Structure formats: C-alpha cells, structure tokens
N, C-alpha and C. Protein backbone atom coordinates (compact mmCIF):
# COMPACT_ATOMS: atom_id res chain seq x y z
N UNK A 1 2.27 32.81 6.12
CA UNK A 1 2.38 31.66 7.14
C UNK A 1 3.73 32.34 7.85
N UNK A 2 3.70 31.53 9.65
CA UNK A 2 4.78 31.88 10.27
C UNK A 2 5.69 30.12 10.63
N UNK A 3 7.18 30.72 10.22
CA UNK A 3 7.83 29.62 10.32
C UNK A 3 7.28 28.22 11.57
N UNK A 4 6.46 28.78 12.73
CA UNK A 4 6.40 27.57 13.39
C UNK A 4 5.10 27.05 12.65
N UNK A 5 4.24 27.49 12.37
CA UNK A 5 3.17 26.77 11.74
C UNK A 5 3.79 25.88 10.27
N UNK A 6 4.49 26.24 9.76
CA UNK A 6 5.10 25.75 8.78
C UNK A 6 5.91 24.38 8.97
N UNK A 7 6.61 24.49 10.20
CA UNK A 7 7.19 23.77 10.33
C UNK A 7 6.11 22.30 11.40
N UNK A 8 5.23 23.02 11.72
CA UNK A 8 4.70 21.63 12.31
C UNK A 8 3.38 21.06 11.36
N UNK A 9 3.37 21.57 10.01
CA UNK A 9 2.48 21.61 8.82
C UNK A 9 3.53 20.22 8.42
N UNK A 10 4.73 20.79 8.40
CA UNK A 10 5.77 19.96 7.55
C UNK A 10 5.86 18.34 8.56
N UNK A 11 6.05 19.06 10.01
CA UNK A 11 6.15 17.33 11.42
C UNK A 11 4.97 16.55 10.46
N UNK A 12 3.72 17.00 10.52
CA UNK A 12 2.77 16.54 10.57
C UNK A 12 2.78 15.21 9.35
N UNK A 13 3.13 16.00 8.57
CA UNK A 13 3.26 15.50 6.65
C UNK A 13 4.24 14.19 7.08
N UNK A 14 5.11 14.70 7.50
CA UNK A 14 6.29 13.32 7.42
C UNK A 14 5.86 12.27 8.39
N UNK A 15 4.93 12.69 9.56
CA UNK A 15 4.67 11.41 10.50
C UNK A 15 3.39 10.77 9.49
N UNK A 16 2.77 11.52 8.88
CA UNK A 16 1.55 11.05 8.60
C UNK A 16 2.46 9.77 7.32
N UNK A 17 3.59 10.48 6.76
CA UNK A 17 4.03 9.57 5.31
C UNK A 17 4.73 8.54 5.81
N UNK A 18 5.38 8.82 7.12
CA UNK A 18 6.15 7.15 7.95
C UNK A 18 5.30 6.26 8.30
N UNK A 19 3.90 6.71 8.90
CA UNK A 19 3.18 6.01 9.44
C UNK A 19 2.43 5.18 7.74
N UNK A 20 1.96 5.80 7.13
CA UNK A 20 1.44 4.92 5.99
C UNK A 20 2.65 4.12 5.17
N UNK A 21 3.95 4.23 4.91
CA UNK A 21 5.23 3.64 4.86
C UNK A 21 5.41 2.03 5.51
N UNK A 22 5.00 2.75 7.18
CA UNK A 22 5.21 1.36 7.68
C UNK A 22 4.33 0.75 7.89
N UNK A 23 2.81 0.89 7.38
CA UNK A 23 1.28 0.18 7.32
C UNK A 23 1.78 -0.68 5.88
N UNK A 24 2.70 0.01 4.82
CA UNK A 24 2.77 -0.37 3.42
C UNK A 24 3.31 -1.59 4.08
N UNK A 25 4.59 -1.15 4.03
CA UNK A 25 5.68 -2.69 4.51
C UNK A 25 4.86 -3.62 5.51
N UNK A 26 4.22 -3.15 5.99
CA UNK A 26 3.40 -4.44 7.46
C UNK A 26 2.57 -5.11 6.59
N UNK A 27 1.45 -4.90 5.75
CA UNK A 27 1.08 -4.97 4.39
C UNK A 27 1.67 -6.45 3.52
N UNK A 28 2.98 -6.09 3.05
CA UNK A 28 3.40 -6.46 2.37
C UNK A 28 4.40 -7.82 3.02
N UNK A 29 4.28 -7.51 3.88
CA UNK A 29 5.29 -8.78 4.87
C UNK A 29 3.90 -9.42 4.90
N UNK A 30 3.51 -9.14 5.69
CA UNK A 30 2.29 -10.19 5.90
C UNK A 30 1.83 -10.85 4.46
N UNK A 31 1.77 -10.15 3.56
CA UNK A 31 1.16 -10.78 1.66
C UNK A 31 2.23 -11.94 1.95
N UNK A 32 3.74 -11.85 1.90
CA UNK A 32 4.78 -12.40 2.08
C UNK A 32 4.60 -14.23 2.55
N UNK A 33 4.44 -13.56 3.66
CA UNK A 33 4.29 -14.44 4.91
C UNK A 33 2.67 -15.66 4.30
N UNK A 34 2.12 -14.88 4.10
CA UNK A 34 0.84 -15.51 3.35
C UNK A 34 0.85 -16.30 2.59
N UNK A 35 2.01 -16.35 0.83
CA UNK A 35 2.47 -16.66 0.19
C UNK A 35 3.31 -17.73 0.14
N UNK A 36 4.24 -17.20 1.32
CA UNK A 36 5.14 -18.27 1.72
C UNK A 36 4.29 -19.37 2.15
N UNK A 37 3.64 -19.03 3.43
CA UNK A 37 2.78 -20.80 4.37
C UNK A 37 1.83 -21.48 3.04
N UNK A 38 1.09 -20.44 2.08
CA UNK A 38 0.41 -21.16 1.21
C UNK A 38 1.22 -22.39 0.19
N UNK A 39 2.54 -21.90 -0.18
CA UNK A 39 3.66 -21.93 -0.90
C UNK A 39 4.08 -23.70 -0.03
N UNK A 40 4.30 -23.51 1.15
CA UNK A 40 4.57 -24.92 1.86
C UNK A 40 3.55 -25.95 2.04
N UNK A 41 2.29 -25.40 2.25
CA UNK A 41 1.03 -26.32 2.75
C UNK A 41 0.71 -27.15 1.10
N UNK A 42 1.36 -25.92 -0.12
CA UNK A 42 0.73 -26.82 -1.29
C UNK A 42 1.92 -27.91 -2.16
N UNK A 43 3.12 -27.89 -1.23
CA UNK A 43 4.00 -28.67 -1.84
C UNK A 43 3.42 -30.36 -1.02
C-alpha cells in the first residue's frame, strides 16, 4: 500500500467514526430530552 492510499483510508475511517459518534450523541440527547419531557408530564 502506498502512503497516499493509507492516509485516505485512515481519513475515511476517521470521518466514519466521527459521524457515528455524532449520531450516537444525538440519539442519547434525544433520549434524555424525551425522558425529561415524560418525567415533567408524569408529575
């Protein structure tokens, strides 16, 4: 493998990881918000 290809693959893996990290954070935030909303309505 030549260095250019390696760096490209690494970059793609990095961005994919970043994307899924953001998706995960987004989902957990929404879950927290829903939980807070339900909690407020329950009172």
